[in-house]
Amino acid sequence: MYARIGEEGFARFVRAFYAQVPTDDVLGPMYPADDMAGAEQRLRDFLVGRFGGPDRYIRQRGHPRLRQRHAPFAVDRRARDRWVTLMNRALDQAALPEDVTTTLRTFFEETASFMMNRD
């Protein structure tokens, strides 16, 4: 997938996602306002590495350990669904190739469910 959309494709939709977060009533409070750029970079680097690009995330932060890293945050059904909604909007805005968008939507749905840590 990285070969298809490159850094710019990942950057475009991750940027579109984070543009929505600060004003979102569910997700906004989970993100430190003074580290939005850092959060954006971490997600972009994770996704780039996960989908065939350079493994910057792992080199800088080690194994993703997604559930462990997100354990301090209450990821319930509402937070999960909102994250997926904002990701889907960002994918729509990024206008990536249809097959890439389909793969990413599936990945985000599954990953969001996996990340739930509260009822």
C-alpha atoms as a PDB file:
ATOM      1  CA  MET A   1       0.000   0.000   0.000  1.00  0.00           C
ATOM      2  CA  TYR A   2       2.868   2.376   0.752  1.00  0.00           C
ATOM      3  CA  ALA A   3       4.084   1.900  -2.812  1.00  0.00           C
ATOM      4  CA  ARG A   4       0.650   3.018  -4.047  1.00  0.00           C
ATOM      5  CA  ILE A   5       0.071   6.167  -1.975  1.00  0.00           C
ATOM      6  CA  GLY A   6       3.492   7.013  -0.527  1.00  0.00           C
ATOM      7  CA  GLU A   7       4.250   9.372   2.320  1.00  0.00           C
ATOM      8  CA  GLU A   8       1.962  12.046   0.911  1.00  0.00           C
ATOM      9  CA  GLY A   9      -1.093   9.789   0.820  1.00  0.00           C
ATOM     10  CA  PHE A  10      -0.640   8.735   4.435  1.00  0.00           C
ATOM     11  CA  ALA A  11       0.157  12.297   5.503  1.00  0.00           C
ATOM     12  CA  ARG A  12      -2.940  13.652   3.742  1.00  0.00           C
ATOM     13  CA  PHE A  13      -5.463  11.424   5.487  1.00  0.00           C
ATOM     14  CA  VAL A  14      -3.739  11.487   8.890  1.00  0.00           C
ATOM     15  CA  ARG A  15      -3.720  15.302   8.679  1.00  0.00           C
ATOM     16  CA  ALA A  16      -7.428  15.251   7.809  1.00  0.00           C
ATOM     17  CA  PHE A  17      -8.096  13.009  10.825  1.00  0.00           C
ATOM     18  CA  TYR A  18      -6.219  15.240  13.275  1.00  0.00           C
ATOM     19  CA  ALA A  19      -7.878  18.369  11.920  1.00  0.00           C
ATOM     20  CA  GLN A  20     -11.126  17.007  13.405  1.00  0.00           C
ATOM     21  CA  VAL A  21      -9.830  15.865  16.792  1.00  0.00           C
ATOM     22  CA  PRO A  22      -9.375  19.109  18.766  1.00  0.00           C
ATOM     23  CA  THR A  23     -13.057  20.066  18.494  1.00  0.00           C
ATOM     24  CA  ASP A  24     -14.460  16.575  18.920  1.00  0.00           C
ATOM     25  CA  ASP A  25     -16.280  16.158  22.232  1.00  0.00           C
ATOM     26  CA  VAL A  26     -15.350  12.476  22.605  1.00  0.00           C
ATOM     27  CA  LEU A  27     -11.817  12.213  21.236  1.00  0.00           C
ATOM     28  CA  GLY A  28     -10.565  15.752  21.794  1.00  0.00           C
ATOM     29  CA  PRO A  29     -10.140  15.375  25.566  1.00  0.00           C
ATOM     30  CA  MET A  30      -7.999  12.256  25.063  1.00  0.00           C
ATOM     31  CA  TYR A  31      -5.322  14.167  23.160  1.00  0.00           C
ATOM     32  CA  PRO A  32      -3.009  16.677  24.824  1.00  0.00           C
ATOM     33  CA  ALA A  33      -3.548  19.963  22.989  1.00  0.00           C
ATOM     34  CA  ASP A  34       0.171  20.736  23.141  1.00  0.00           C
ATOM     35  CA  ASP A  35       1.155  17.501  21.359  1.00  0.00           C
ATOM     36  CA  MET A  36      -1.218  17.250  18.387  1.00  0.00           C
ATOM     37  CA  ALA A  37       1.684  17.468  15.953  1.00  0.00           C
ATOM     38  CA  GLY A  38       3.439  14.659  17.815  1.00  0.00           C
ATOM     39  CA  ALA A  39       0.307  12.507  17.823  1.00  0.00           C
ATOM     40  CA  GLU A  40      -0.114  13.102  14.108  1.00  0.00           C
ATOM     41  CA  GLN A  41       3.473  12.115  13.406  1.00  0.00           C
ATOM     42  CA  ARG A  42       3.242   8.954  15.531  1.00  0.00           C
ATOM     43  CA  LEU A  43       0.081   7.762  13.796  1.00  0.00           C
ATOM     44  CA  ARG A  44       1.471   8.566  10.360  1.00  0.00           C
ATOM     45  CA  ASP A  45       4.747   6.772  11.101  1.00  0.00           C
ATOM     46  CA  PHE A  46       2.908   3.768  12.524  1.00  0.00           C
ATOM     47  CA  LEU A  47       0.647   3.454   9.479  1.00  0.00           C
ATOM     48  CA  VAL A  48       3.477   3.988   7.007  1.00  0.00           C
ATOM     49  CA  GLY A  49       5.448   1.176   8.625  1.00  0.00           C
ATOM     50  CA  ARG A  50       2.434  -1.081   8.989  1.00  0.00           C
ATOM     51  CA  PHE A  51       1.607  -0.771   5.310  1.00  0.00           C
ATOM     52  CA  GLY A  52       5.014  -1.287   3.739  1.00  0.00           C
ATOM     53  CA  GLY A  53       6.969   1.925   4.215  1.00  0.00           C
ATOM     54  CA  PRO A  54       9.957   2.778   6.386  1.00  0.00           C
ATOM     55  CA  ASP A  55       9.757   1.456   9.948  1.00  0.00           C
ATOM     56  CA  ARG A  56      10.380   4.827  11.628  1.00  0.00           C
ATOM     57  CA  TYR A  57       7.784   4.165  14.307  1.00  0.00           C
ATOM     58  CA  ILE A  58       9.463   0.967  15.485  1.00  0.00           C
ATOM     59  CA  ARG A  59      12.953   2.478  15.309  1.00  0.00           C
ATOM     60  CA  GLN A  60      11.861   5.452  17.427  1.00  0.00           C
ATOM     61  CA  ARG A  61       9.328   3.885  19.797  1.00  0.00           C
ATOM     62  CA  GLY A  62       9.780   0.121  19.652  1.00  0.00           C
ATOM     63  CA  HIS A  63       6.981  -2.386  19.209  1.00  0.00           C
ATOM     64  CA  PRO A  64       3.623  -0.592  18.868  1.00  0.00           C
ATOM     65  CA  ARG A  65       1.957  -2.392  21.818  1.00  0.00           C
ATOM     66  CA  LEU A  66      -1.238  -0.595  20.863  1.00  0.00           C
ATOM     67  CA  ARG A  67      -3.441  -1.845  23.699  1.00  0.00           C
ATOM     68  CA  GLN A  68      -0.777  -1.144  26.301  1.00  0.00           C
ATOM     69  CA  ARG A  69      -0.078   2.368  24.991  1.00  0.00           C
ATOM     70  CA  HIS A  70      -3.796   3.184  24.946  1.00  0.00           C
ATOM     71  CA  ALA A  71      -4.649   1.578  28.312  1.00  0.00           C
ATOM     72  CA  PRO A  72      -4.741   4.931  30.169  1.00  0.00           C
ATOM     73  CA  PHE A  73      -7.572   6.106  27.882  1.00  0.00           C
ATOM     74  CA  ALA A  74     -11.176   4.973  28.248  1.00  0.00           C
ATOM     75  CA  VAL A  75     -11.771   3.399  24.853  1.00  0.00           C
ATOM     76  CA  ASP A  76     -15.396   2.356  25.075  1.00  0.00           C
ATOM     77  CA  ARG A  77     -17.878   1.709  22.253  1.00  0.00           C
ATOM     78  CA  ARG A  78     -18.608   5.419  21.895  1.00  0.00           C
ATOM     79  CA  ALA A  79     -14.908   6.353  21.586  1.00  0.00           C
ATOM     80  CA  ARG A  80     -14.286   3.461  19.223  1.00  0.00           C
ATOM     81  CA  ASP A  81     -17.169   4.431  16.961  1.00  0.00           C
ATOM     82  CA  ARG A  82     -16.184   8.097  16.957  1.00  0.00           C
ATOM     83  CA  TRP A  83     -12.576   7.267  16.048  1.00  0.00           C
ATOM     84  CA  VAL A  84     -13.801   5.149  13.142  1.00  0.00           C
ATOM     85  CA  THR A  85     -16.182   7.920  12.030  1.00  0.00           C
ATOM     86  CA  LEU A  86     -13.430  10.536  12.014  1.00  0.00           C
ATOM     87  CA  MET A  87     -11.056   8.163  10.226  1.00  0.00           C
ATOM     88  CA  ASN A  88     -13.690   7.452   7.582  1.00  0.00           C
ATOM     89  CA  ARG A  89     -14.254  11.187   7.062  1.00  0.00           C
ATOM     90  CA  ALA A  90     -10.511  11.687   6.742  1.00  0.00           C
ATOM     91  CA  LEU A  91     -10.290   8.902   4.179  1.00  0.00           C
ATOM     92  CA  ASP A  92     -13.120  10.486   2.209  1.00  0.00           C
ATOM     93  CA  GLN A  93     -11.298  13.831   2.235  1.00  0.00           C
ATOM     94  CA  ALA A  94      -7.957  12.285   1.266  1.00  0.00           C
ATOM     95  CA  ALA A  95      -9.418  10.814  -1.942  1.00  0.00           C
ATOM     96  CA  LEU A  96      -7.069   7.823  -2.024  1.00  0.00           C
ATOM     97  CA  PRO A  97      -7.524   4.993  -4.529  1.00  0.00           C
ATOM     98  CA  GLU A  98     -10.677   2.996  -3.791  1.00  0.00           C
ATOM     99  CA  ASP A  99      -8.907  -0.282  -3.008  1.00  0.00           C
ATOM    100  CA  VAL A 100      -6.554   1.474  -0.582  1.00  0.00           C
ATOM    101  CA  THR A 101      -9.466   3.203   1.127  1.00  0.00           C
ATOM    102  CA  THR A 102     -11.354  -0.087   1.436  1.00  0.00           C
ATOM    103  CA  THR A 103      -8.342  -1.816   2.999  1.00  0.00           C
ATOM    104  CA  LEU A 104      -7.765   1.038   5.437  1.00  0.00           C
ATOM    105  CA  ARG A 105     -11.440   1.187   6.456  1.00  0.00           C
ATOM    106  CA  THR A 106     -11.357  -2.521   7.285  1.00  0.00           C
ATOM    107  CA  PHE A 107      -8.091  -2.135   9.189  1.00  0.00           C
ATOM    108  CA  PHE A 108      -9.462   0.799  11.213  1.00  0.00           C
ATOM    109  CA  GLU A 109     -12.721  -1.009  12.043  1.00  0.00           C
ATOM    110  CA  GLU A 110     -10.847  -4.079  13.286  1.00  0.00           C
ATOM    111  CA  THR A 111      -8.150  -2.157  15.118  1.00  0.00           C
ATOM    112  CA  ALA A 112     -10.670   0.118  16.817  1.00  0.00           C
ATOM    113  CA  SER A 113     -12.585  -2.883  18.119  1.00  0.00           C
ATOM    114  CA  PHE A 114      -9.358  -4.475  19.334  1.00  0.00           C
ATOM    115  CA  MET A 115      -8.476  -1.286  21.210  1.00  0.00           C
ATOM    116  CA  MET A 116     -11.661  -1.217  23.291  1.00  0.00           C
ATOM    117  CA  ASN A 117     -10.770  -1.486  26.964  1.00  0.00           C
ATOM    118  CA  ARG A 118     -14.017  -0.424  28.677  1.00  0.00           C
ATOM    119  CA  ASP A 119     -17.606  -1.610  28.440  1.00  0.00           C
END
